[in-house]
Amino acid sequence: MKSIIIAIFFALTLCACNEPKEISADQVAVAFFDALYNQKDIKQATSYCTPDFAKQLTQYRTAQNAARRLFNMSFDSTKIDAALADFKVREEFNTTGKLTILFTGDRHGKTYKELKSIKMVKKGQTWLVDELLKDPIAS
């Protein structure tokens, strides 16, 4: 009887440790752009999007085409950081927020830095990329 109780205790302990951890909006955004720019996998990129944004993205057929035409950026390789986030909105309502993503990438032997802002929404326990926001710095 004692060994059964110990076995149940360990089973419950292991189950508690394996609860799915929520992935932050920042992590989802970085994974989305990594799939698009570094892995060049549009199907994987769409898995991080809302259905409407995924539909818009797949109209470009390839990751390289979407990266170049939708986001107006192309890199041979790039480092992606969630530079600035609207944390106040996400903390208060926990359903939506804006992220500004910093890209440091190489193209034709030169290094370029770019910023893009995206809107993130939370569906259930999952953050998703919802739309590309207009560049506030553009002239």
Protein backbone atom coordinates (compact mmCIF):
# COMPACT_ATOMS: atom_id res chain seq x y z
CA MET A 1 0.00 0.00 0.00
CA LYS A 2 2.83 2.39 0.87
CA SER A 3 4.53 1.81 -2.51
CA ILE A 4 1.27 2.57 -4.35
CA ILE A 5 0.94 5.90 -2.51
CA ILE A 6 4.55 6.78 -3.33
CA ALA A 7 3.98 5.85 -7.00
CA ILE A 8 0.85 8.04 -7.15
CA PHE A 9 2.76 10.91 -5.51
CA PHE A 10 5.55 10.70 -8.12
CA ALA A 11 3.05 10.44 -10.96
CA LEU A 12 1.24 13.56 -9.75
CA THR A 13 4.53 15.38 -9.32
CA LEU A 14 5.60 14.54 -12.88
CA CYS A 15 2.24 15.61 -14.29
CA ALA A 16 2.40 18.93 -12.45
CA CYS A 17 5.88 19.60 -13.87
CA ASN A 18 4.74 18.90 -17.43
CA GLU A 19 1.92 21.44 -17.58
CA PRO A 20 2.12 23.36 -20.85
CA LYS A 21 3.86 26.67 -20.33
CA GLU A 22 2.27 29.65 -22.04
CA ILE A 23 4.46 31.12 -24.76
CA SER A 24 4.72 34.91 -24.56
CA ALA A 25 3.68 37.25 -27.36
CA ASP A 26 7.34 38.23 -27.82
CA GLN A 27 8.36 34.61 -28.32
CA VAL A 28 5.56 34.00 -30.84
CA ALA A 29 6.48 37.12 -32.83
CA VAL A 30 10.16 36.16 -32.96
CA ALA A 31 9.26 32.58 -33.98
CA PHE A 32 6.97 33.93 -36.73
CA PHE A 33 9.66 36.13 -38.25
CA ASP A 34 12.32 33.44 -37.79
CA ALA A 35 10.15 31.01 -39.79
CA LEU A 36 9.69 33.64 -42.49
CA TYR A 37 13.22 35.06 -42.76
CA ASN A 38 15.64 32.40 -41.52
CA GLN A 39 13.85 29.10 -42.09
CA LYS A 40 12.00 30.40 -45.18
CA ASP A 41 8.96 28.28 -44.27
CA ILE A 42 5.67 30.05 -44.97
CA LYS A 43 3.58 27.17 -43.58
CA GLN A 44 5.36 27.34 -40.25
CA ALA A 45 5.02 31.14 -40.24
CA THR A 46 1.26 30.89 -40.77
CA SER A 47 0.96 28.64 -37.72
CA TYR A 48 1.78 31.73 -35.62
CA CYS A 49 -0.94 33.88 -37.28
CA THR A 50 -4.63 34.50 -36.98
CA PRO A 51 -6.61 32.89 -39.83
CA ASP A 52 -7.11 36.24 -41.59
CA PHE A 53 -3.43 37.18 -41.48
CA ALA A 54 -2.42 33.64 -42.49
CA LYS A 55 -4.68 33.94 -45.55
CA GLN A 56 -3.08 37.27 -46.45
CA LEU A 57 0.40 35.79 -45.99
CA THR A 58 -0.23 32.68 -48.12
CA GLN A 59 -1.33 34.84 -51.06
CA TYR A 60 2.38 35.48 -51.58
CA ARG A 61 3.01 31.70 -51.98
CA THR A 62 6.60 31.66 -50.67
CA ALA A 63 8.24 32.98 -47.53
CA GLN A 64 10.76 34.99 -49.53
CA ASN A 65 8.03 36.63 -51.59
CA ALA A 66 5.96 37.49 -48.49
CA ALA A 67 9.03 38.84 -46.70
CA ARG A 68 9.97 41.04 -49.63
CA ARG A 69 6.50 42.26 -50.68
CA LEU A 70 4.39 42.31 -47.51
CA PHE A 71 7.09 43.42 -45.07
CA ASN A 72 9.22 45.24 -47.66
CA MET A 73 12.42 43.62 -46.36
CA SER A 74 14.74 40.94 -47.65
CA PHE A 75 17.80 39.51 -45.93
CA ASP A 76 20.27 36.73 -46.58
CA SER A 77 20.15 36.08 -42.81
CA THR A 78 18.82 38.08 -39.89
CA LYS A 79 18.72 38.34 -36.11
CA ILE A 80 15.25 39.11 -34.74
CA ASP A 81 14.45 40.79 -31.41
CA ALA A 82 11.20 41.94 -29.87
CA ALA A 83 12.54 45.44 -29.31
CA LEU A 84 9.64 47.35 -27.86
CA ALA A 85 6.35 46.08 -26.55
CA ASP A 86 3.12 47.62 -25.37
CA PHE A 87 3.30 45.70 -22.09
CA LYS A 88 0.71 47.86 -20.34
CA VAL A 89 -2.07 46.77 -22.68
CA ARG A 90 -1.14 43.11 -22.40
CA GLU A 91 -0.92 43.23 -18.61
CA GLU A 92 -4.25 45.01 -18.17
CA PHE A 93 -6.38 43.11 -20.64
CA ASN A 94 -4.16 40.17 -21.54
CA THR A 95 -5.74 39.86 -24.99
CA THR A 96 -4.05 42.25 -27.39
CA GLY A 97 -0.91 44.31 -27.82
CA LYS A 98 1.53 45.91 -30.20
CA LEU A 99 5.11 44.74 -30.65
CA THR A 100 7.93 46.45 -32.48
CA ILE A 101 10.39 43.95 -33.87
CA LEU A 102 14.03 44.84 -34.53
CA PHE A 103 15.75 43.12 -37.44
CA THR A 104 19.52 43.14 -37.82
CA GLY A 105 20.26 41.39 -41.09
CA ASP A 106 22.77 40.91 -43.83
CA ARG A 107 22.04 41.45 -47.49
CA HIS A 108 24.70 41.35 -50.18
CA GLY A 109 27.50 41.68 -47.61
CA LYS A 110 26.06 44.75 -45.87
CA THR A 111 24.32 44.91 -42.49
CA TYR A 112 20.91 46.58 -42.24
CA LYS A 113 18.64 47.39 -39.30
CA GLU A 114 14.89 47.60 -39.67
CA LEU A 115 11.89 48.01 -37.37
CA LYS A 116 8.42 46.60 -37.98
CA SER A 117 5.35 46.90 -35.75
CA ILE A 118 2.77 44.15 -35.53
CA LYS A 119 -0.47 43.64 -33.65
CA MET A 120 -0.73 40.51 -31.50
CA VAL A 121 -3.97 38.97 -30.22
CA LYS A 122 -4.53 36.22 -27.72
CA LYS A 123 -6.89 33.40 -28.69
CA GLY A 124 -7.41 31.10 -25.73
CA GLN A 125 -3.93 30.51 -24.31
CA THR A 126 -2.11 31.29 -27.56
CA TRP A 127 -0.70 34.58 -28.85
CA LEU A 128 -1.01 35.09 -32.62
CA VAL A 129 0.26 37.67 -35.13
CA ASP A 130 -2.82 39.55 -36.35
CA GLU A 131 -1.61 42.33 -38.62
CA LEU A 132 1.28 44.43 -39.84
CA LEU A 133 0.94 47.97 -38.51
CA LYS A 134 1.87 51.07 -40.46
CA ASP A 135 5.39 52.34 -39.93
CA PRO A 136 5.13 55.46 -37.73
CA ILE A 137 8.56 56.65 -38.89
CA ALA A 138 7.93 56.39 -42.63
CA SER A 139 7.86 59.65 -44.51
